[in-house]
């Protein structure tokens, strides 16, 4: 029997909102529950060359380090481009095309290797990946529940609600959202968080899965510390909730 792909698809309200860090944090959280986890980034644009002449992508390296299943970089991301720009532009500049079928196959190839796969999209929800398809189409292909990363800054309420509306309009399941602090301080942080929590639950029945403070360095384990175990057990459809301390079973909000 063909293994069933289980996990979630992480998207964001914009680029640079911390999708990779949250994805890595989800992988570490799964590992803590004793769940074999693997990260998959269908498309990655922007690579650096090391002293030995090898090219790699920082996000891919981060997912590779956070997962509990050892994978090669090309298993985590089969469509890597050197230019740091929109993926379809990077592909065009390199004379390549992003193969939708290959991305689908690459994700499903991890199903026999891991209990849960956390897929991280490129940019926001509707980033073009070809002339007639985008990241949301890939989400639809895979059929995984969606986790929305909200970068906590001015404008985040509107960006979050519009993105959530678009997710639901595509027929996708919005499993929840993570509030990620992308700056050392944000005016009226708690008020924005409260509004987002109320509106996301009222409009989309989407709970907050964690509140991640601005930390330096912001490690995958630090992210995992700030995720809601009870809610994530539901998102990942774990058979039974693991035994955890009361502190780990709630969202932590640190001083900002």
C-alpha atoms as a PDB file:
ATOM      1  CA  UNK A   1       0.000   0.000   0.000  1.00  0.00           C
ATOM      2  CA  UNK A   2       1.288   3.443  -0.915  1.00  0.00           C
ATOM      3  CA  UNK A   3       2.230   5.474   2.209  1.00  0.00           C
ATOM      4  CA  UNK A   4      -0.131   8.345   2.974  1.00  0.00           C
ATOM      5  CA  UNK A   5       1.380  11.829   3.054  1.00  0.00           C
ATOM      6  CA  UNK A   6       0.662  13.367   6.461  1.00  0.00           C
ATOM      7  CA  UNK A   7       1.790  16.668   7.918  1.00  0.00           C
ATOM      8  CA  UNK A   8       1.098  20.305   7.058  1.00  0.00           C
ATOM      9  CA  UNK A   9       1.937  23.025   4.564  1.00  0.00           C
ATOM     10  CA  UNK A  10       3.424  26.218   6.003  1.00  0.00           C
ATOM     11  CA  UNK A  11       2.704  29.474   4.191  1.00  0.00           C
ATOM     12  CA  UNK A  12       3.079  33.091   5.232  1.00  0.00           C
ATOM     13  CA  UNK A  13       1.432  36.488   5.026  1.00  0.00           C
ATOM     14  CA  UNK A  14       4.453  37.705   3.050  1.00  0.00           C
ATOM     15  CA  UNK A  15       8.101  36.971   2.464  1.00  0.00           C
ATOM     16  CA  UNK A  16      10.528  37.422   5.380  1.00  0.00           C
ATOM     17  CA  UNK A  17       7.937  36.604   8.037  1.00  0.00           C
ATOM     18  CA  UNK A  18       9.853  33.633   9.452  1.00  0.00           C
ATOM     19  CA  UNK A  19       8.312  30.664   7.618  1.00  0.00           C
ATOM     20  CA  UNK A  20      11.554  28.689   7.678  1.00  0.00           C
ATOM     21  CA  UNK A  21      12.119  29.252  11.394  1.00  0.00           C
ATOM     22  CA  UNK A  22       8.548  28.232  12.190  1.00  0.00           C
ATOM     23  CA  UNK A  23       8.838  25.184   9.927  1.00  0.00           C
ATOM     24  CA  UNK A  24      12.055  24.196  11.684  1.00  0.00           C
ATOM     25  CA  UNK A  25      10.352  24.733  15.030  1.00  0.00           C
ATOM     26  CA  UNK A  26       7.492  22.448  14.000  1.00  0.00           C
ATOM     27  CA  UNK A  27      10.019  19.791  13.022  1.00  0.00           C
ATOM     28  CA  UNK A  28      11.715  20.045  16.412  1.00  0.00           C
ATOM     29  CA  UNK A  29       8.336  19.900  18.166  1.00  0.00           C
ATOM     30  CA  UNK A  30       7.473  16.707  16.277  1.00  0.00           C
ATOM     31  CA  UNK A  31      10.835  15.201  17.191  1.00  0.00           C
ATOM     32  CA  UNK A  32      10.130  15.909  20.866  1.00  0.00           C
ATOM     33  CA  UNK A  33       6.923  13.883  20.550  1.00  0.00           C
ATOM     34  CA  UNK A  34       8.880  10.937  19.188  1.00  0.00           C
ATOM     35  CA  UNK A  35       7.510  11.492  15.673  1.00  0.00           C
ATOM     36  CA  UNK A  36       9.804  10.973  12.684  1.00  0.00           C
ATOM     37  CA  UNK A  37       9.730  14.317  10.911  1.00  0.00           C
ATOM     38  CA  UNK A  38      11.022  15.587   7.587  1.00  0.00           C
ATOM     39  CA  UNK A  39      10.994  19.053   6.065  1.00  0.00           C
ATOM     40  CA  UNK A  40      10.328  19.726   2.399  1.00  0.00           C
ATOM     41  CA  UNK A  41      10.807  23.025   0.582  1.00  0.00           C
ATOM     42  CA  UNK A  42       9.510  22.591  -2.971  1.00  0.00           C
ATOM     43  CA  UNK A  43      11.287  25.665  -4.324  1.00  0.00           C
ATOM     44  CA  UNK A  44      14.201  27.671  -2.935  1.00  0.00           C
ATOM     45  CA  UNK A  45      15.685  30.789  -4.527  1.00  0.00           C
ATOM     46  CA  UNK A  46      18.985  32.155  -3.261  1.00  0.00           C
ATOM     47  CA  UNK A  47      22.134  30.076  -2.784  1.00  0.00           C
ATOM     48  CA  UNK A  48      25.584  30.728  -1.336  1.00  0.00           C
ATOM     49  CA  UNK A  49      28.894  29.170  -2.312  1.00  0.00           C
ATOM     50  CA  UNK A  50      31.194  27.878   0.409  1.00  0.00           C
ATOM     51  CA  UNK A  51      34.987  27.808   0.464  1.00  0.00           C
ATOM     52  CA  UNK A  52      34.980  24.430  -1.291  1.00  0.00           C
ATOM     53  CA  UNK A  53      32.849  25.753  -4.135  1.00  0.00           C
ATOM     54  CA  UNK A  54      29.658  23.974  -3.061  1.00  0.00           C
ATOM     55  CA  UNK A  55      26.355  25.816  -3.505  1.00  0.00           C
ATOM     56  CA  UNK A  56      23.574  25.546  -0.927  1.00  0.00           C
ATOM     57  CA  UNK A  57      20.459  27.306   0.291  1.00  0.00           C
ATOM     58  CA  UNK A  58      20.244  28.534   3.880  1.00  0.00           C
ATOM     59  CA  UNK A  59      16.595  27.528   4.344  1.00  0.00           C
ATOM     60  CA  UNK A  60      17.260  24.021   3.080  1.00  0.00           C
ATOM     61  CA  UNK A  61      20.180  23.673   5.483  1.00  0.00           C
ATOM     62  CA  UNK A  62      17.969  24.798   8.366  1.00  0.00           C
ATOM     63  CA  UNK A  63      15.242  22.265   7.579  1.00  0.00           C
ATOM     64  CA  UNK A  64      17.876  19.572   7.147  1.00  0.00           C
ATOM     65  CA  UNK A  65      19.272  20.285  10.618  1.00  0.00           C
ATOM     66  CA  UNK A  66      15.882  20.472  12.349  1.00  0.00           C
ATOM     67  CA  UNK A  67      14.383  17.228  11.021  1.00  0.00           C
ATOM     68  CA  UNK A  68      14.678  13.914  12.841  1.00  0.00           C
ATOM     69  CA  UNK A  69      15.054  12.046   9.538  1.00  0.00           C
ATOM     70  CA  UNK A  70      18.419  12.394   7.794  1.00  0.00           C
ATOM     71  CA  UNK A  71      17.961  13.636   4.230  1.00  0.00           C
ATOM     72  CA  UNK A  72      20.153  14.966   1.460  1.00  0.00           C
ATOM     73  CA  UNK A  73      19.619  18.549   0.333  1.00  0.00           C
ATOM     74  CA  UNK A  74      18.111  17.505  -2.988  1.00  0.00           C
ATOM     75  CA  UNK A  75      15.560  15.334  -1.166  1.00  0.00           C
ATOM     76  CA  UNK A  76      14.467  18.373   0.810  1.00  0.00           C
ATOM     77  CA  UNK A  77      14.378  20.657  -2.223  1.00  0.00           C
ATOM     78  CA  UNK A  78      14.716  19.538  -5.814  1.00  0.00           C
ATOM     79  CA  UNK A  79      14.226  22.997  -7.349  1.00  0.00           C
ATOM     80  CA  UNK A  80      16.991  25.242  -6.025  1.00  0.00           C
ATOM     81  CA  UNK A  81      18.054  28.421  -7.794  1.00  0.00           C
ATOM     82  CA  UNK A  82      21.064  30.624  -7.191  1.00  0.00           C
ATOM     83  CA  UNK A  83      19.388  33.997  -7.627  1.00  0.00           C
ATOM     84  CA  UNK A  84      17.583  35.394  -4.582  1.00  0.00           C
ATOM     85  CA  UNK A  85      14.336  36.568  -6.175  1.00  0.00           C
ATOM     86  CA  UNK A  86      10.843  35.315  -6.992  1.00  0.00           C
ATOM     87  CA  UNK A  87      11.177  31.621  -7.936  1.00  0.00           C
ATOM     88  CA  UNK A  88       9.652  31.901 -11.407  1.00  0.00           C
ATOM     89  CA  UNK A  89      12.025  34.776 -12.228  1.00  0.00           C
ATOM     90  CA  UNK A  90      15.025  32.850 -10.896  1.00  0.00           C
ATOM     91  CA  UNK A  91      14.007  29.845 -12.996  1.00  0.00           C
ATOM     92  CA  UNK A  92      13.620  31.983 -16.121  1.00  0.00           C
ATOM     93  CA  UNK A  93      17.029  33.614 -15.623  1.00  0.00           C
ATOM     94  CA  UNK A  94      18.638  30.180 -15.330  1.00  0.00           C
ATOM     95  CA  UNK A  95      16.798  28.813 -18.360  1.00  0.00           C
ATOM     96  CA  UNK A  96      14.836  26.316 -16.309  1.00  0.00           C
ATOM     97  CA  UNK A  97      11.219  25.535 -15.526  1.00  0.00           C
ATOM     98  CA  UNK A  98       9.672  24.562 -12.206  1.00  0.00           C
ATOM     99  CA  UNK A  99       8.132  21.138 -12.729  1.00  0.00           C
ATOM    100  CA  UNK A 100       4.819  20.842 -10.880  1.00  0.00           C
ATOM    101  CA  UNK A 101       4.730  17.065 -11.198  1.00  0.00           C
ATOM    102  CA  UNK A 102       8.275  16.763  -9.836  1.00  0.00           C
ATOM    103  CA  UNK A 103       7.416  18.891  -6.785  1.00  0.00           C
ATOM    104  CA  UNK A 104       4.404  16.709  -6.072  1.00  0.00           C
ATOM    105  CA  UNK A 105       6.480  13.552  -6.464  1.00  0.00           C
ATOM    106  CA  UNK A 106       9.310  14.953  -4.328  1.00  0.00           C
ATOM    107  CA  UNK A 107       6.925  15.606  -1.447  1.00  0.00           C
ATOM    108  CA  UNK A 108       5.330  12.158  -1.625  1.00  0.00           C
ATOM    109  CA  UNK A 109       8.765  10.530  -1.800  1.00  0.00           C
ATOM    110  CA  UNK A 110       9.210  11.505   1.857  1.00  0.00           C
ATOM    111  CA  UNK A 111       6.020   9.766   3.015  1.00  0.00           C
ATOM    112  CA  UNK A 112       7.709   6.334   3.446  1.00  0.00           C
ATOM    113  CA  UNK A 113      10.603   7.934   5.320  1.00  0.00           C
ATOM    114  CA  UNK A 114       8.794  10.095   7.871  1.00  0.00           C
ATOM    115  CA  UNK A 115       5.641   9.973   9.979  1.00  0.00           C
ATOM    116  CA  UNK A 116       4.941  13.640   9.280  1.00  0.00           C
ATOM    117  CA  UNK A 117       6.224  15.974   6.547  1.00  0.00           C
ATOM    118  CA  UNK A 118       6.253  19.734   7.053  1.00  0.00           C
ATOM    119  CA  UNK A 119       6.230  21.515   3.699  1.00  0.00           C
ATOM    120  CA  UNK A 120       7.343  25.144   3.501  1.00  0.00           C
ATOM    121  CA  UNK A 121       6.097  27.243   0.608  1.00  0.00           C
ATOM    122  CA  UNK A 122       8.069  29.987  -1.128  1.00  0.00           C
ATOM    123  CA  UNK A 123       7.076  33.552  -0.281  1.00  0.00           C
ATOM    124  CA  UNK A 124       3.355  34.036   0.291  1.00  0.00           C
ATOM    125  CA  UNK A 125       0.278  32.086  -0.708  1.00  0.00           C
ATOM    126  CA  UNK A 126      -0.015  33.066  -4.368  1.00  0.00           C
ATOM    127  CA  UNK A 127       3.622  33.274  -5.491  1.00  0.00           C
ATOM    128  CA  UNK A 128       3.750  32.227  -9.178  1.00  0.00           C
ATOM    129  CA  UNK A 129       5.682  29.046  -9.904  1.00  0.00           C
ATOM    130  CA  UNK A 130       4.803  28.910 -13.608  1.00  0.00           C
ATOM    131  CA  UNK A 131       2.780  30.726 -16.241  1.00  0.00           C
ATOM    132  CA  UNK A 132      -0.512  29.226 -15.094  1.00  0.00           C
ATOM    133  CA  UNK A 133       0.028  27.917 -11.568  1.00  0.00           C
ATOM    134  CA  UNK A 134       1.230  29.119  -8.186  1.00  0.00           C
ATOM    135  CA  UNK A 135       2.110  27.993  -4.675  1.00  0.00           C
ATOM    136  CA  UNK A 136      -1.562  27.694  -3.698  1.00  0.00           C
ATOM    137  CA  UNK A 137      -2.086  25.254  -6.575  1.00  0.00           C
ATOM    138  CA  UNK A 138       0.696  23.102  -5.167  1.00  0.00           C
ATOM    139  CA  UNK A 139      -0.996  23.227  -1.753  1.00  0.00           C
ATOM    140  CA  UNK A 140      -4.192  22.021  -3.401  1.00  0.00           C
ATOM    141  CA  UNK A 141      -2.286  19.216  -5.146  1.00  0.00           C
ATOM    142  CA  UNK A 142      -0.874  17.985  -1.846  1.00  0.00           C
ATOM    143  CA  UNK A 143      -4.047  18.420   0.198  1.00  0.00           C
ATOM    144  CA  UNK A 144      -2.259  19.051   3.494  1.00  0.00           C
ATOM    145  CA  UNK A 145      -3.714  21.295   6.213  1.00  0.00           C
ATOM    146  CA  UNK A 146      -2.279  24.804   6.037  1.00  0.00           C
ATOM    147  CA  UNK A 147      -0.440  26.594   8.848  1.00  0.00           C
ATOM    148  CA  UNK A 148      -0.215  30.355   8.334  1.00  0.00           C
ATOM    149  CA  UNK A 149       2.791  32.267   9.681  1.00  0.00           C
ATOM    150  CA  UNK A 150       1.875  35.853  10.529  1.00  0.00           C
ATOM    151  CA  UNK A 151       4.763  38.301  10.765  1.00  0.00           C
ATOM    152  CA  UNK A 152       3.825  40.551  13.666  1.00  0.00           C
ATOM    153  CA  UNK A 153       4.296  44.097  12.374  1.00  0.00           C
ATOM    154  CA  UNK A 154       2.194  47.022  11.227  1.00  0.00           C
ATOM    155  CA  UNK A 155      -0.394  45.771   8.732  1.00  0.00           C
ATOM    156  CA  UNK A 156      -0.356  42.179   9.950  1.00  0.00           C
ATOM    157  CA  UNK A 157      -4.070  42.042  10.735  1.00  0.00           C
ATOM    158  CA  UNK A 158      -5.116  42.896   7.195  1.00  0.00           C
ATOM    159  CA  UNK A 159      -2.441  40.650   5.647  1.00  0.00           C
ATOM    160  CA  UNK A 160      -3.409  37.722   7.858  1.00  0.00           C
ATOM    161  CA  UNK A 161      -7.155  37.986   7.256  1.00  0.00           C
ATOM    162  CA  UNK A 162      -6.752  38.404   3.490  1.00  0.00           C
ATOM    163  CA  UNK A 163      -4.408  35.413   3.290  1.00  0.00           C
ATOM    164  CA  UNK A 164      -6.693  33.278   5.440  1.00  0.00           C
ATOM    165  CA  UNK A 165      -9.637  34.223   3.223  1.00  0.00           C
ATOM    166  CA  UNK A 166      -7.671  33.218   0.125  1.00  0.00           C
ATOM    167  CA  UNK A 167      -6.664  29.886   1.707  1.00  0.00           C
ATOM    168  CA  UNK A 168     -10.296  29.031   2.404  1.00  0.00           C
ATOM    169  CA  UNK A 169     -11.428  30.264  -1.021  1.00  0.00           C
ATOM    170  CA  UNK A 170      -9.080  27.693  -2.600  1.00  0.00           C
ATOM    171  CA  UNK A 171     -10.851  24.951  -0.678  1.00  0.00           C
ATOM    172  CA  UNK A 172      -7.856  24.369   1.585  1.00  0.00           C
ATOM    173  CA  UNK A 173      -8.046  23.588   5.300  1.00  0.00           C
ATOM    174  CA  UNK A 174      -6.625  26.376   7.462  1.00  0.00           C
ATOM    175  CA  UNK A 175      -5.469  24.433  10.521  1.00  0.00           C
ATOM    176  CA  UNK A 176      -4.233  27.461  12.456  1.00  0.00           C
ATOM    177  CA  UNK A 177      -1.723  30.267  12.547  1.00  0.00           C
ATOM    178  CA  UNK A 178       1.470  31.232  14.343  1.00  0.00           C
ATOM    179  CA  UNK A 179       2.238  34.762  15.516  1.00  0.00           C
ATOM    180  CA  UNK A 180       5.919  35.364  14.801  1.00  0.00           C
ATOM    181  CA  UNK A 181       7.671  38.458  16.149  1.00  0.00           C
ATOM    182  CA  UNK A 182       9.831  39.796  13.323  1.00  0.00           C
ATOM    183  CA  UNK A 183      11.103  42.904  15.116  1.00  0.00           C
ATOM    184  CA  UNK A 184      12.419  43.593  18.634  1.00  0.00           C
ATOM    185  CA  UNK A 185       9.277  45.491  19.608  1.00  0.00           C
ATOM    186  CA  UNK A 186       5.917  46.266  18.057  1.00  0.00           C
ATOM    187  CA  UNK A 187       3.584  49.026  19.248  1.00  0.00           C
ATOM    188  CA  UNK A 188       0.356  47.571  20.643  1.00  0.00           C
ATOM    189  CA  UNK A 189       1.590  44.011  20.220  1.00  0.00           C
ATOM    190  CA  UNK A 190      -0.899  42.481  22.655  1.00  0.00           C
ATOM    191  CA  UNK A 191      -3.822  44.378  21.136  1.00  0.00           C
ATOM    192  CA  UNK A 192      -2.890  43.190  17.657  1.00  0.00           C
ATOM    193  CA  UNK A 193      -2.490  39.630  18.933  1.00  0.00           C
ATOM    194  CA  UNK A 194      -5.872  39.727  20.654  1.00  0.00           C
ATOM    195  CA  UNK A 195      -7.589  41.077  17.538  1.00  0.00           C
ATOM    196  CA  UNK A 196      -5.963  38.460  15.323  1.00  0.00           C
ATOM    197  CA  UNK A 197      -6.881  35.660  17.720  1.00  0.00           C
ATOM    198  CA  UNK A 198     -10.516  36.730  17.873  1.00  0.00           C
ATOM    199  CA  UNK A 199     -10.897  37.395  14.150  1.00  0.00           C
ATOM    200  CA  UNK A 200      -9.120  34.238  12.971  1.00  0.00           C
ATOM    201  CA  UNK A 201     -11.269  32.101  15.240  1.00  0.00           C
ATOM    202  CA  UNK A 202     -14.530  33.911  14.421  1.00  0.00           C
ATOM    203  CA  UNK A 203     -14.059  34.042  10.656  1.00  0.00           C
ATOM    204  CA  UNK A 204     -12.113  30.868   9.933  1.00  0.00           C
ATOM    205  CA  UNK A 205     -12.228  28.708  13.082  1.00  0.00           C
ATOM    206  CA  UNK A 206      -8.421  28.891  13.006  1.00  0.00           C
ATOM    207  CA  UNK A 207      -6.730  28.841  16.425  1.00  0.00           C
ATOM    208  CA  UNK A 208      -3.397  30.373  17.339  1.00  0.00           C
ATOM    209  CA  UNK A 209      -0.788  27.611  17.385  1.00  0.00           C
ATOM    210  CA  UNK A 210       1.936  29.647  19.060  1.00  0.00           C
ATOM    211  CA  UNK A 211       3.322  33.081  19.843  1.00  0.00           C
ATOM    212  CA  UNK A 212       7.021  33.230  19.043  1.00  0.00           C
ATOM    213  CA  UNK A 213       8.899  36.163  20.584  1.00  0.00           C
ATOM    214  CA  UNK A 214      11.777  38.035  19.006  1.00  0.00           C
ATOM    215  CA  UNK A 215      14.826  36.045  20.111  1.00  0.00           C
ATOM    216  CA  UNK A 216      18.514  36.322  19.254  1.00  0.00           C
ATOM    217  CA  UNK A 217      19.506  33.755  18.258  1.00  0.00           C
ATOM    218  CA  UNK A 218      16.141  32.338  17.254  1.00  0.00           C
ATOM    219  CA  UNK A 219      16.752  28.597  17.142  1.00  0.00           C
ATOM    220  CA  UNK A 220      14.379  25.832  16.072  1.00  0.00           C
ATOM    221  CA  UNK A 221      14.236  24.580  19.658  1.00  0.00           C
ATOM    222  CA  UNK A 222      13.397  28.076  20.926  1.00  0.00           C
ATOM    223  CA  UNK A 223      10.525  28.206  18.437  1.00  0.00           C
ATOM    224  CA  UNK A 224       9.311  24.774  19.560  1.00  0.00           C
ATOM    225  CA  UNK A 225       9.273  26.025  23.154  1.00  0.00           C
ATOM    226  CA  UNK A 226       6.643  28.591  22.169  1.00  0.00           C
ATOM    227  CA  UNK A 227       4.246  26.333  20.277  1.00  0.00           C
ATOM    228  CA  UNK A 228       0.947  25.015  21.646  1.00  0.00           C
ATOM    229  CA  UNK A 229       1.224  21.256  22.100  1.00  0.00           C
ATOM    230  CA  UNK A 230      -2.510  20.647  22.526  1.00  0.00           C
ATOM    231  CA  UNK A 231      -3.344  22.442  19.285  1.00  0.00           C
ATOM    232  CA  UNK A 232      -0.496  20.862  17.327  1.00  0.00           C
ATOM    233  CA  UNK A 233      -1.547  17.367  18.343  1.00  0.00           C
ATOM    234  CA  UNK A 234      -4.817  18.172  16.581  1.00  0.00           C
ATOM    235  CA  UNK A 235      -3.121  19.701  13.513  1.00  0.00           C
ATOM    236  CA  UNK A 236      -0.853  16.696  13.035  1.00  0.00           C
ATOM    237  CA  UNK A 237      -3.562  14.181  13.960  1.00  0.00           C
ATOM    238  CA  UNK A 238      -1.413  12.395  16.509  1.00  0.00           C
ATOM    239  CA  UNK A 239      -3.173   9.367  17.942  1.00  0.00           C
ATOM    240  CA  UNK A 240      -2.823  10.515  21.511  1.00  0.00           C
ATOM    241  CA  UNK A 241      -1.509  13.591  23.191  1.00  0.00           C
ATOM    242  CA  UNK A 242       1.992  13.020  24.599  1.00  0.00           C
ATOM    243  CA  UNK A 243       2.722  13.434  28.259  1.00  0.00           C
ATOM    244  CA  UNK A 244       4.158  16.902  28.670  1.00  0.00           C
ATOM    245  CA  UNK A 245       4.605  19.401  31.424  1.00  0.00           C
ATOM    246  CA  UNK A 246       1.847  22.006  31.990  1.00  0.00           C
ATOM    247  CA  UNK A 247       4.266  24.700  30.796  1.00  0.00           C
ATOM    248  CA  UNK A 248       4.768  22.956  27.448  1.00  0.00           C
ATOM    249  CA  UNK A 249       1.023  22.566  26.963  1.00  0.00           C
ATOM    250  CA  UNK A 250       0.341  26.283  26.586  1.00  0.00           C
ATOM    251  CA  UNK A 251       1.514  29.110  24.398  1.00  0.00           C
ATOM    252  CA  UNK A 252       4.253  31.130  26.033  1.00  0.00           C
ATOM    253  CA  UNK A 253       4.244  34.897  25.645  1.00  0.00           C
ATOM    254  CA  UNK A 254       7.511  36.503  26.736  1.00  0.00           C
ATOM    255  CA  UNK A 255       8.164  40.139  27.540  1.00  0.00           C
ATOM    256  CA  UNK A 256       8.639  42.271  24.472  1.00  0.00           C
END
